[in-house]
Amino acid sequence: MANVEIYTWSRCPFCIRAKQLLTRKGVKFTEYVIDGDEAAREAMAQRAHGRRSLPQIFINNEHIGGCDDLYALEAQGVLDTLLQAAA
């Protein structure tokens, strides 16, 4: 199973939607709640090629983007393949 990481803010509606999709698919993920933690956000942005919006999602240490990117991968039928790949 893939290693899935997601950076979130606790009340971010896009973060909640992304987590709902992953949960609905039965995916276990590591969540980093970075509410107000600027150092953590900077570290996330470095991993996410400068993107500072939330959520930012990584599968097997590969940056896949935010909530809209996650849903786009699902719509294209690519997400399941990414999630099946071993870390």
N, C-alpha and C. Protein backbone atom coordinates (compact mmCIF):
# COMPACT_ATOMS: atom_id res chain seq x y z
N MET A 1 0.84 -1.19 0.00
CA MET A 1 0.00 0.00 0.00
C MET A 1 0.89 1.25 0.00
N ALA A 2 0.39 2.28 -0.60
CA ALA A 2 1.14 3.53 -0.73
C ALA A 2 1.26 4.25 0.61
N ASN A 3 2.32 5.04 0.73
CA ASN A 3 2.49 5.93 1.87
C ASN A 3 1.87 7.28 1.49
N VAL A 4 0.79 7.65 2.15
CA VAL A 4 0.06 8.88 1.84
C VAL A 4 0.22 9.86 3.00
N GLU A 5 0.63 11.08 2.66
CA GLU A 5 0.78 12.14 3.65
C GLU A 5 -0.04 13.34 3.19
N ILE A 6 -0.67 14.01 4.14
CA ILE A 6 -1.48 15.18 3.81
C ILE A 6 -1.26 16.26 4.86
N TYR A 7 -0.93 17.46 4.39
CA TYR A 7 -0.77 18.62 5.25
C TYR A 7 -2.09 19.37 5.27
N THR A 8 -2.60 19.68 6.46
CA THR A 8 -3.92 20.30 6.57
C THR A 8 -3.95 21.41 7.61
N TRP A 9 -5.04 22.18 7.55
CA TRP A 9 -5.49 23.01 8.66
C TRP A 9 -6.77 22.36 9.13
N SER A 10 -7.02 22.37 10.42
CA SER A 10 -8.13 21.61 10.99
C SER A 10 -9.50 22.04 10.46
N ARG A 11 -9.68 23.31 10.12
CA ARG A 11 -11.01 23.78 9.67
C ARG A 11 -11.08 24.08 8.18
N CYS A 12 -10.09 23.66 7.45
CA CYS A 12 -10.04 23.94 6.01
C CYS A 12 -11.01 23.02 5.26
N PRO A 13 -12.01 23.59 4.56
CA PRO A 13 -12.99 22.73 3.88
C PRO A 13 -12.37 21.87 2.78
N PHE A 14 -11.35 22.36 2.10
CA PHE A 14 -10.70 21.56 1.05
C PHE A 14 -9.92 20.40 1.67
N CYS A 15 -9.33 20.65 2.83
CA CYS A 15 -8.61 19.59 3.54
C CYS A 15 -9.59 18.49 3.95
N ILE A 16 -10.74 18.90 4.46
CA ILE A 16 -11.77 17.95 4.89
C ILE A 16 -12.25 17.12 3.70
N ARG A 17 -12.49 17.76 2.56
CA ARG A 17 -12.93 17.03 1.35
C ARG A 17 -11.89 16.03 0.90
N ALA A 18 -10.62 16.42 0.91
CA ALA A 18 -9.55 15.52 0.48
C ALA A 18 -9.48 14.31 1.40
N LYS A 19 -9.54 14.56 2.71
CA LYS A 19 -9.49 13.46 3.67
C LYS A 19 -10.71 12.55 3.52
N GLN A 20 -11.87 13.12 3.21
CA GLN A 20 -13.08 12.31 3.02
C GLN A 20 -12.90 11.34 1.85
N LEU A 21 -12.32 11.82 0.75
CA LEU A 21 -12.10 10.94 -0.40
C LEU A 21 -11.15 9.81 -0.03
N LEU A 22 -10.05 10.14 0.61
CA LEU A 22 -9.09 9.11 1.01
C LEU A 22 -9.72 8.11 1.97
N THR A 23 -10.49 8.60 2.93
CA THR A 23 -11.14 7.73 3.90
C THR A 23 -12.17 6.83 3.22
N ARG A 24 -12.94 7.40 2.30
CA ARG A 24 -13.95 6.64 1.56
C ARG A 24 -13.30 5.50 0.77
N LYS A 25 -12.06 5.73 0.31
CA LYS A 25 -11.35 4.71 -0.44
C LYS A 25 -10.61 3.74 0.48
N GLY A 26 -10.71 3.94 1.80
CA GLY A 26 -10.07 3.04 2.75
C GLY A 26 -8.57 3.25 2.87
N VAL A 27 -8.11 4.45 2.53
CA VAL A 27 -6.68 4.74 2.54
C VAL A 27 -6.26 5.22 3.93
N LYS A 28 -5.21 4.61 4.45
CA LYS A 28 -4.61 5.11 5.69
C LYS A 28 -3.62 6.18 5.29
N PHE A 29 -3.66 7.31 6.01
CA PHE A 29 -2.76 8.42 5.67
C PHE A 29 -2.22 9.06 6.94
N THR A 30 -1.09 9.70 6.79
CA THR A 30 -0.50 10.48 7.88
C THR A 30 -0.90 11.93 7.66
N GLU A 31 -1.54 12.50 8.67
CA GLU A 31 -1.99 13.89 8.57
C GLU A 31 -1.10 14.78 9.43
N TYR A 32 -0.64 15.87 8.83
CA TYR A 32 0.11 16.89 9.55
C TYR A 32 -0.77 18.12 9.66
N VAL A 33 -1.33 18.35 10.84
CA VAL A 33 -2.18 19.52 11.06
C VAL A 33 -1.25 20.68 11.44
N ILE A 34 -1.14 21.66 10.56
CA ILE A 34 -0.14 22.72 10.74
C ILE A 34 -0.77 24.08 11.01
N ASP A 35 -1.93 24.09 11.65
CA ASP A 35 -2.62 25.35 11.98
C ASP A 35 -1.66 26.36 12.60
N GLY A 36 -1.42 27.47 11.91
CA GLY A 36 -0.64 28.55 12.46
C GLY A 36 0.84 28.27 12.66
N ASP A 37 1.33 27.12 12.22
CA ASP A 37 2.75 26.76 12.41
C ASP A 37 3.51 27.14 11.14
N GLU A 38 4.08 28.34 11.14
CA GLU A 38 4.72 28.86 9.93
C GLU A 38 5.94 28.04 9.53
N ALA A 39 6.69 27.51 10.50
CA ALA A 39 7.86 26.69 10.18
C ALA A 39 7.43 25.40 9.48
N ALA A 40 6.35 24.79 9.95
CA ALA A 40 5.84 23.57 9.32
C ALA A 40 5.31 23.88 7.92
N ARG A 41 4.68 25.03 7.77
CA ARG A 41 4.16 25.41 6.45
C ARG A 41 5.30 25.64 5.47
N GLU A 42 6.38 26.24 5.93
CA GLU A 42 7.54 26.47 5.08
C GLU A 42 8.16 25.14 4.66
N ALA A 43 8.26 24.19 5.59
CA ALA A 43 8.80 22.86 5.27
C ALA A 43 7.91 22.16 4.24
N MET A 44 6.59 22.30 4.41
CA MET A 44 5.64 21.73 3.45
C MET A 44 5.84 22.36 2.08
N ALA A 45 5.98 23.68 2.04
CA ALA A 45 6.13 24.40 0.77
C ALA A 45 7.39 23.95 0.04
N GLN A 46 8.45 23.68 0.78
CA GLN A 46 9.68 23.19 0.15
C GLN A 46 9.44 21.84 -0.51
N ARG A 47 8.69 20.96 0.15
CA ARG A 47 8.36 19.65 -0.43
C ARG A 47 7.41 19.80 -1.62
N ALA A 48 6.53 20.81 -1.55
CA ALA A 48 5.45 20.98 -2.53
C ALA A 48 5.82 21.96 -3.64
N HIS A 49 7.10 22.09 -3.94
CA HIS A 49 7.57 22.94 -5.04
C HIS A 49 7.06 24.37 -4.91
N GLY A 50 7.05 24.88 -3.66
CA GLY A 50 6.67 26.27 -3.42
C GLY A 50 5.20 26.50 -3.14
N ARG A 51 4.37 25.49 -3.32
CA ARG A 51 2.93 25.69 -3.06
C ARG A 51 2.68 25.78 -1.57
N ARG A 52 1.93 26.80 -1.17
CA ARG A 52 1.66 27.04 0.24
C ARG A 52 0.19 26.86 0.59
N SER A 53 -0.65 26.59 -0.40
CA SER A 53 -2.07 26.38 -0.14
C SER A 53 -2.26 25.01 0.53
N LEU A 54 -3.39 24.86 1.17
CA LEU A 54 -3.68 23.61 1.85
C LEU A 54 -4.97 23.01 1.31
N PRO A 55 -5.07 21.69 1.26
CA PRO A 55 -4.06 20.73 1.67
C PRO A 55 -2.97 20.57 0.60
N GLN A 56 -1.88 19.95 0.99
CA GLN A 56 -0.88 19.45 0.05
C GLN A 56 -0.74 17.96 0.34
N ILE A 57 -0.80 17.19 -0.74
CA ILE A 57 -0.87 15.73 -0.61
C ILE A 57 0.32 15.09 -1.32
N PHE A 58 0.87 14.08 -0.66
CA PHE A 58 2.01 13.34 -1.19
C PHE A 58 1.67 11.85 -1.17
N ILE A 59 1.97 11.17 -2.26
CA ILE A 59 1.82 9.72 -2.32
C ILE A 59 3.19 9.15 -2.63
N ASN A 60 3.67 8.28 -1.74
CA ASN A 60 5.02 7.72 -1.87
C ASN A 60 6.06 8.81 -2.08
N ASN A 61 5.93 9.87 -1.28
CA ASN A 61 6.86 11.00 -1.29
C ASN A 61 6.81 11.83 -2.58
N GLU A 62 5.85 11.54 -3.45
CA GLU A 62 5.67 12.32 -4.68
C GLU A 62 4.54 13.32 -4.46
N HIS A 63 4.83 14.59 -4.74
CA HIS A 63 3.82 15.65 -4.55
C HIS A 63 2.75 15.50 -5.63
N ILE A 64 1.50 15.34 -5.20
CA ILE A 64 0.42 15.25 -6.19
C ILE A 64 -0.44 16.51 -6.21
N GLY A 65 -0.28 17.39 -5.21
CA GLY A 65 -1.01 18.65 -5.23
C GLY A 65 -2.02 18.75 -4.12
N GLY A 66 -3.09 19.51 -4.40
CA GLY A 66 -4.11 19.78 -3.40
C GLY A 66 -5.38 18.98 -3.62
N CYS A 67 -6.45 19.45 -3.03
CA CYS A 67 -7.74 18.75 -3.09
C CYS A 67 -8.23 18.59 -4.53
N ASP A 68 -8.21 19.67 -5.31
CA ASP A 68 -8.69 19.58 -6.69
C ASP A 68 -7.85 18.61 -7.51
N ASP A 69 -6.54 18.59 -7.25
CA ASP A 69 -5.65 17.67 -7.96
C ASP A 69 -5.99 16.21 -7.60
N LEU A 70 -6.27 15.98 -6.31
CA LEU A 70 -6.63 14.63 -5.85
C LEU A 70 -7.91 14.16 -6.53
N TYR A 71 -8.94 15.02 -6.57
CA TYR A 71 -10.21 14.67 -7.21
C TYR A 71 -10.04 14.50 -8.72
N ALA A 72 -9.14 15.27 -9.33
CA ALA A 72 -8.88 15.13 -10.77
C ALA A 72 -8.26 13.77 -11.06
N LEU A 73 -7.32 13.34 -10.21
CA LEU A 73 -6.71 12.01 -10.39
C LEU A 73 -7.77 10.92 -10.25
N GLU A 74 -8.69 11.11 -9.32
CA GLU A 74 -9.79 10.15 -9.13
C GLU A 74 -10.66 10.12 -10.38
N ALA A 75 -11.02 11.28 -10.92
CA ALA A 75 -11.88 11.36 -12.10
C ALA A 75 -11.21 10.73 -13.33
N GLN A 76 -9.87 10.84 -13.41
CA GLN A 76 -9.13 10.27 -14.53
C GLN A 76 -8.89 8.77 -14.37
N GLY A 77 -9.25 8.23 -13.19
CA GLY A 77 -9.02 6.81 -12.94
C GLY A 77 -7.58 6.47 -12.61
N VAL A 78 -6.78 7.47 -12.24
CA VAL A 78 -5.37 7.26 -11.96
C VAL A 78 -5.08 7.08 -10.47
N LEU A 79 -5.95 7.61 -9.63
CA LEU A 79 -5.69 7.63 -8.19
C LEU A 79 -5.51 6.21 -7.62
N ASP A 80 -6.39 5.28 -8.00
CA ASP A 80 -6.29 3.93 -7.46
C ASP A 80 -4.94 3.29 -7.77
N THR A 81 -4.45 3.53 -8.96
CA THR A 81 -3.14 2.98 -9.36
C THR A 81 -2.03 3.55 -8.47
N LEU A 82 -2.07 4.86 -8.24
CA LEU A 82 -1.07 5.49 -7.37
C LEU A 82 -1.16 4.93 -5.96
N LEU A 83 -2.38 4.71 -5.49
CA LEU A 83 -2.56 4.24 -4.11
C LEU A 83 -2.16 2.77 -3.94
N GLN A 84 -2.15 2.02 -5.02
CA GLN A 84 -1.77 0.60 -4.94
C GLN A 84 -0.27 0.40 -4.95
N ALA A 85 0.46 1.39 -5.43
CA ALA A 85 1.91 1.25 -5.55
C ALA A 85 2.55 1.22 -4.16
N ALA A 86 3.40 0.27 -3.95
CA ALA A 86 4.10 0.17 -2.66
C ALA A 86 5.07 1.33 -2.50
N ALA A 87 5.23 1.73 -1.26
CA ALA A 87 6.15 2.84 -0.97
C ALA A 87 7.59 2.45 -1.27
